[in-house]
């Protein structure tokens, strides 16, 4: 049962306003226009970063919406760059149980967000321990297409690698080829097995592994091998519809105890691919920078 206490909606709204007012746009990777009066985020900026409507942010802050879903609370916590303690307080104000240490976290600590905001020129995304996409930047959208076109439940890299129904990928809108696809497949499966050891009680991870084992024969065969490991690096070629093929190095960094996976795609300095990568930001579709 998610409900844990009765808390005034006005207190929830008041805290959202306080946290919004204290976060400067620059900390969220946004540019501040001259003559700007607000020192913190505007409501429309918070709405964009959290992937909700401006009207919903207004209703939350005014106390007219008092029971946001867990996914909305998680998105607000990321957008507001809350600490773990502040995130847990936000969950309690929304009458929800905060995520425990025994389950996968989608939360991005403020320090991680500061680093991400400064990775200009790279296509960057962050995945949870079960390869669920939780954040991406404009460079990612420009290079691969906008994941916001798919529902949150479908934004999972493992589900893209091992589709259950032969459907098109949801995290890349155009073809992507790899130097060694078999090695990448094996690395993703072994990384998921490692996650099941760390988060044996996580319902989302359990359902993911169950679905893929039952619905994708390649995943089932790789899972049966019993390998345990992590996915660290790869080289990919994105066949961009506007600039042509772009070859990038794909590096995966893991953040601390949360097991967040920071995926960074860059091109060799001074190469034609670097020029093409820069051009995608001009040619690509408009971005939604955060979930």
Protein backbone atom coordinates (compact mmCIF):
# COMPACT_ATOMS: atom_id res chain seq x y z
CA UNK A 1 0.00 0.00 0.00
CA UNK A 2 1.55 3.30 -1.11
CA UNK A 3 -0.34 5.71 1.14
CA UNK A 4 1.53 6.32 4.39
CA UNK A 5 0.17 9.53 5.88
CA UNK A 6 -2.22 12.42 5.42
CA UNK A 7 -0.37 15.57 4.43
CA UNK A 8 -1.84 18.89 3.38
CA UNK A 9 -1.59 19.51 -0.34
CA UNK A 10 -0.60 23.07 0.46
CA UNK A 11 2.59 21.82 2.13
CA UNK A 12 3.45 19.75 -0.94
CA UNK A 13 2.91 22.76 -3.18
CA UNK A 14 4.86 25.06 -0.88
CA UNK A 15 7.91 22.79 -0.90
CA UNK A 16 7.84 22.46 -4.69
CA UNK A 17 7.82 26.26 -4.94
CA UNK A 18 10.71 26.58 -2.47
CA UNK A 19 12.82 24.04 -4.36
CA UNK A 20 11.92 25.59 -7.72
CA UNK A 21 12.84 29.09 -6.53
CA UNK A 22 16.26 28.01 -5.26
CA UNK A 23 17.41 26.24 -8.46
CA UNK A 24 19.05 28.65 -10.93
CA UNK A 25 18.42 27.88 -14.62
CA UNK A 26 22.15 27.44 -15.22
CA UNK A 27 22.24 24.52 -12.78
CA UNK A 28 19.61 22.79 -14.91
CA UNK A 29 21.48 23.43 -18.14
CA UNK A 30 19.17 26.28 -19.18
CA UNK A 31 20.21 29.71 -20.40
CA UNK A 32 19.15 32.80 -18.50
CA UNK A 33 17.82 35.62 -20.66
CA UNK A 34 18.75 39.20 -19.88
CA UNK A 35 16.23 41.02 -17.75
CA UNK A 36 15.00 37.79 -16.17
CA UNK A 37 13.29 38.52 -12.87
CA UNK A 38 13.05 35.00 -11.48
CA UNK A 39 16.29 33.75 -9.94
CA UNK A 40 15.04 30.17 -9.89
CA UNK A 41 13.18 28.03 -12.38
CA UNK A 42 9.95 29.24 -13.90
CA UNK A 43 6.96 26.94 -13.75
CA UNK A 44 7.14 26.23 -17.46
CA UNK A 45 10.82 25.33 -17.13
CA UNK A 46 10.13 22.90 -14.32
CA UNK A 47 7.29 21.41 -16.35
CA UNK A 48 9.57 20.87 -19.34
CA UNK A 49 12.34 19.33 -17.26
CA UNK A 50 9.95 17.01 -15.43
CA UNK A 51 7.92 16.07 -18.51
CA UNK A 52 4.57 17.27 -17.13
CA UNK A 53 2.21 20.03 -18.16
CA UNK A 54 2.54 23.58 -16.88
CA UNK A 55 -1.08 23.38 -15.69
CA UNK A 56 -0.23 20.37 -13.56
CA UNK A 57 2.69 22.20 -11.93
CA UNK A 58 0.34 25.10 -11.19
CA UNK A 59 -2.23 22.78 -9.62
CA UNK A 60 0.44 21.09 -7.51
CA UNK A 61 1.79 24.39 -6.22
CA UNK A 62 -1.69 25.70 -5.49
CA UNK A 63 -2.64 22.58 -3.58
CA UNK A 64 -5.32 21.54 -6.06
CA UNK A 65 -3.41 18.39 -7.07
CA UNK A 66 -2.30 16.50 -3.97
CA UNK A 67 -1.63 12.91 -5.06
CA UNK A 68 0.90 12.82 -7.91
CA UNK A 69 1.99 9.37 -9.07
CA UNK A 70 5.32 7.86 -8.05
CA UNK A 71 6.68 8.39 -11.57
CA UNK A 72 5.74 12.09 -11.50
CA UNK A 73 7.32 12.51 -8.05
CA UNK A 74 10.51 10.84 -9.31
CA UNK A 75 10.59 13.18 -12.33
CA UNK A 76 10.03 16.25 -10.15
CA UNK A 77 12.81 15.15 -7.78
CA UNK A 78 15.23 14.81 -10.71
CA UNK A 79 14.20 18.12 -12.26
CA UNK A 80 14.52 19.96 -8.92
CA UNK A 81 17.88 18.28 -8.22
CA UNK A 82 16.83 17.16 -4.76
CA UNK A 83 19.11 15.33 -2.39
CA UNK A 84 18.11 11.81 -1.38
CA UNK A 85 16.67 13.12 1.90
CA UNK A 86 14.69 15.84 0.08
CA UNK A 87 13.46 13.32 -2.47
CA UNK A 88 12.19 11.07 0.32
CA UNK A 89 10.43 14.05 1.92
CA UNK A 90 8.74 14.84 -1.39
CA UNK A 91 7.47 11.26 -1.58
CA UNK A 92 6.05 11.52 1.94
CA UNK A 93 4.34 14.83 1.16
CA UNK A 94 2.76 13.12 -1.86
CA UNK A 95 1.55 10.32 0.46
CA UNK A 96 3.86 7.77 -1.13
CA UNK A 97 6.45 5.37 0.24
CA UNK A 98 9.93 6.58 -0.69
CA UNK A 99 12.11 4.11 -2.62
CA UNK A 100 14.08 1.86 -0.28
CA UNK A 101 17.72 0.91 -0.64
CA UNK A 102 16.67 -2.57 -1.71
CA UNK A 103 15.13 -1.45 -4.99
CA UNK A 104 16.46 0.27 -8.09
CA UNK A 105 16.66 4.05 -7.88
CA UNK A 106 15.86 6.39 -10.77
CA UNK A 107 17.05 9.42 -8.80
CA UNK A 108 19.84 11.63 -10.14
CA UNK A 109 21.87 13.20 -7.32
CA UNK A 110 22.54 16.95 -7.72
CA UNK A 111 26.26 16.38 -8.32
CA UNK A 112 25.50 14.04 -11.22
CA UNK A 113 23.09 16.57 -12.69
CA UNK A 114 25.70 19.32 -12.50
CA UNK A 115 28.18 17.16 -14.41
CA UNK A 116 25.58 16.20 -17.01
CA UNK A 117 24.63 19.82 -17.61
CA UNK A 118 28.24 20.59 -18.54
CA UNK A 119 28.74 17.81 -21.08
CA UNK A 120 28.21 20.06 -24.09
CA UNK A 121 28.92 18.57 -27.47
CA UNK A 122 28.15 14.98 -26.45
CA UNK A 123 25.03 12.87 -26.72
CA UNK A 124 24.31 11.77 -23.14
CA UNK A 125 21.65 9.64 -21.47
CA UNK A 126 21.28 8.11 -18.02
CA UNK A 127 19.82 4.67 -17.39
CA UNK A 128 18.84 3.01 -14.11
CA UNK A 129 20.34 -0.32 -13.06
CA UNK A 130 17.73 -2.18 -15.14
CA UNK A 131 18.53 -0.09 -18.25
CA UNK A 132 15.40 2.03 -17.85
CA UNK A 133 16.00 5.45 -19.43
CA UNK A 134 15.63 8.20 -16.82
CA UNK A 135 17.32 11.26 -18.41
CA UNK A 136 18.71 12.43 -21.73
CA UNK A 137 20.06 15.66 -23.16
CA UNK A 138 19.44 17.59 -26.37
CA UNK A 139 22.49 16.06 -27.99
CA UNK A 140 21.00 12.59 -27.51
CA UNK A 141 17.73 13.68 -29.07
CA UNK A 142 19.52 15.29 -32.00
CA UNK A 143 21.65 12.22 -32.69
CA UNK A 144 19.14 9.41 -32.08
CA UNK A 145 15.68 10.98 -32.06
CA UNK A 146 13.43 11.93 -29.15
CA UNK A 147 12.59 9.10 -26.70
CA UNK A 148 9.68 11.22 -25.43
CA UNK A 149 7.70 9.95 -28.42
CA UNK A 150 7.46 6.59 -26.60
CA UNK A 151 5.66 5.97 -23.33
CA UNK A 152 7.95 5.77 -20.26
CA UNK A 153 7.38 2.04 -19.85
CA UNK A 154 8.89 1.36 -23.28
CA UNK A 155 12.06 3.40 -22.74
CA UNK A 156 14.24 0.48 -21.75
CA UNK A 157 17.46 -0.40 -23.54
CA UNK A 158 17.20 -4.12 -22.76
CA UNK A 159 13.69 -4.25 -24.22
CA UNK A 160 15.02 -2.51 -27.33
CA UNK A 161 17.85 -5.04 -27.65
CA UNK A 162 15.56 -8.02 -27.16
CA UNK A 163 12.08 -7.05 -28.46
CA UNK A 164 9.15 -9.27 -27.56
CA UNK A 165 7.07 -8.63 -30.65
CA UNK A 166 9.52 -7.53 -33.32
CA UNK A 167 8.57 -3.89 -32.78
CA UNK A 168 10.86 -1.03 -33.75
CA UNK A 169 13.28 0.35 -31.13
CA UNK A 170 12.02 3.13 -28.88
CA UNK A 171 15.37 4.70 -27.95
CA UNK A 172 16.74 5.24 -31.47
CA UNK A 173 14.51 6.57 -34.23
CA UNK A 174 16.86 5.58 -37.06
CA UNK A 175 19.16 2.60 -37.69
CA UNK A 176 22.18 2.00 -35.46
CA UNK A 177 24.94 -0.48 -36.26
CA UNK A 178 27.68 -1.69 -33.93
CA UNK A 179 31.21 -3.02 -34.18
CA UNK A 180 30.25 -6.21 -32.34
CA UNK A 181 26.52 -6.59 -31.75
CA UNK A 182 26.88 -10.06 -30.22
CA UNK A 183 29.31 -8.77 -27.61
CA UNK A 184 27.00 -5.90 -26.71
CA UNK A 185 24.01 -8.23 -26.37
CA UNK A 186 25.97 -10.51 -24.06
CA UNK A 187 27.22 -7.54 -22.01
CA UNK A 188 23.71 -6.17 -21.49
CA UNK A 189 22.38 -9.57 -20.36
CA UNK A 190 25.28 -10.17 -17.97
CA UNK A 191 24.81 -6.64 -16.61
CA UNK A 192 21.14 -7.39 -15.90
CA UNK A 193 22.11 -10.59 -14.11
CA UNK A 194 24.46 -8.53 -11.95
CA UNK A 195 21.58 -6.18 -11.16
CA UNK A 196 19.37 -9.06 -10.02
CA UNK A 197 22.02 -9.92 -7.45
CA UNK A 198 22.01 -6.38 -6.09
CA UNK A 199 18.25 -5.82 -6.28
CA UNK A 200 16.58 -9.21 -5.79
CA UNK A 201 13.38 -7.62 -4.50
CA UNK A 202 12.94 -5.04 -7.26
CA UNK A 203 9.60 -5.70 -8.96
CA UNK A 204 10.40 -3.79 -12.15
CA UNK A 205 13.65 -5.67 -12.70
CA UNK A 206 12.04 -9.01 -11.91
CA UNK A 207 9.25 -8.36 -14.42
CA UNK A 208 11.76 -7.28 -17.08
CA UNK A 209 13.87 -10.43 -16.80
CA UNK A 210 10.77 -12.64 -16.68
CA UNK A 211 9.28 -11.02 -19.80
CA UNK A 212 12.51 -11.20 -21.80
CA UNK A 213 13.20 -14.80 -20.82
CA UNK A 214 9.71 -15.83 -21.84
CA UNK A 215 9.41 -13.74 -24.99
CA UNK A 216 12.85 -13.54 -26.60
CA UNK A 217 14.79 -16.70 -27.37
CA UNK A 218 18.13 -14.90 -27.82
CA UNK A 219 17.86 -13.28 -24.40
CA UNK A 220 16.91 -16.64 -22.86
CA UNK A 221 19.94 -18.33 -24.41
CA UNK A 222 22.33 -15.63 -23.20
CA UNK A 223 20.73 -15.64 -19.75
CA UNK A 224 21.23 -19.38 -19.51
CA UNK A 225 24.99 -18.86 -19.92
CA UNK A 226 25.10 -17.40 -16.42
CA UNK A 227 27.65 -14.69 -17.15
CA UNK A 228 27.89 -11.75 -14.73
CA UNK A 229 29.48 -8.49 -15.80
CA UNK A 230 28.96 -4.90 -16.91
CA UNK A 231 28.55 -3.07 -20.21
CA UNK A 232 31.36 -0.51 -20.45
CA UNK A 233 32.07 0.62 -24.00
CA UNK A 234 31.13 0.18 -27.63
CA UNK A 235 31.48 1.84 -31.02
CA UNK A 236 28.32 2.64 -32.92
CA UNK A 237 27.36 4.11 -36.27
CA UNK A 238 24.13 6.09 -36.28
CA UNK A 239 22.58 6.39 -39.72
CA UNK A 240 21.19 9.89 -39.27
CA UNK A 241 18.55 10.89 -41.85
CA UNK A 242 19.93 14.42 -42.26
CA UNK A 243 23.73 14.20 -41.96
CA UNK A 244 24.38 10.58 -42.93
CA UNK A 245 26.30 7.95 -40.93
CA UNK A 246 27.97 9.18 -37.75
CA UNK A 247 30.43 6.88 -35.98
CA UNK A 248 30.77 7.51 -32.26
CA UNK A 249 32.47 6.00 -29.24
CA UNK A 250 29.91 4.91 -26.66
CA UNK A 251 31.23 4.85 -23.10
CA UNK A 252 29.22 3.73 -20.08
CA UNK A 253 30.11 5.14 -16.65
CA UNK A 254 28.48 3.79 -13.48
CA UNK A 255 27.61 6.20 -10.68
CA UNK A 256 28.18 4.99 -7.13
CA UNK A 257 25.83 2.78 -5.15
CA UNK A 258 22.80 3.70 -7.23
CA UNK A 259 24.24 1.84 -10.25
CA UNK A 260 23.08 4.63 -12.58
CA UNK A 261 24.59 4.16 -16.04
CA UNK A 262 25.77 7.36 -17.73
CA UNK A 263 26.04 6.69 -21.46
CA UNK A 264 28.18 9.21 -23.36
CA UNK A 265 28.52 9.25 -27.14
CA UNK A 266 31.39 11.27 -28.61
CA UNK A 267 33.27 11.41 -31.91
CA UNK A 268 37.03 11.52 -32.42
CA UNK A 269 38.28 15.13 -32.13
CA UNK A 270 38.87 16.81 -35.47
CA UNK A 271 37.20 14.01 -37.43
CA UNK A 272 34.45 14.21 -40.01
CA UNK A 273 32.27 12.36 -37.54
CA UNK A 274 32.76 15.12 -34.97
CA UNK A 275 31.56 17.66 -37.53
CA UNK A 276 28.53 15.50 -38.33
CA UNK A 277 27.77 15.09 -34.62
CA UNK A 278 27.77 18.87 -34.25
CA UNK A 279 25.53 19.23 -37.29
CA UNK A 280 22.92 16.90 -35.80
CA UNK A 281 22.12 19.54 -33.21
CA UNK A 282 21.10 21.80 -36.08
CA UNK A 283 19.47 19.21 -38.29
CA UNK A 284 17.87 17.08 -35.59
CA UNK A 285 14.31 17.43 -34.32
CA UNK A 286 13.49 19.69 -31.33
CA UNK A 287 14.47 18.10 -28.03
CA UNK A 288 12.73 17.32 -24.79
CA UNK A 289 15.74 17.34 -22.51
CA UNK A 290 14.40 15.43 -19.52
CA UNK A 291 11.77 12.90 -18.62
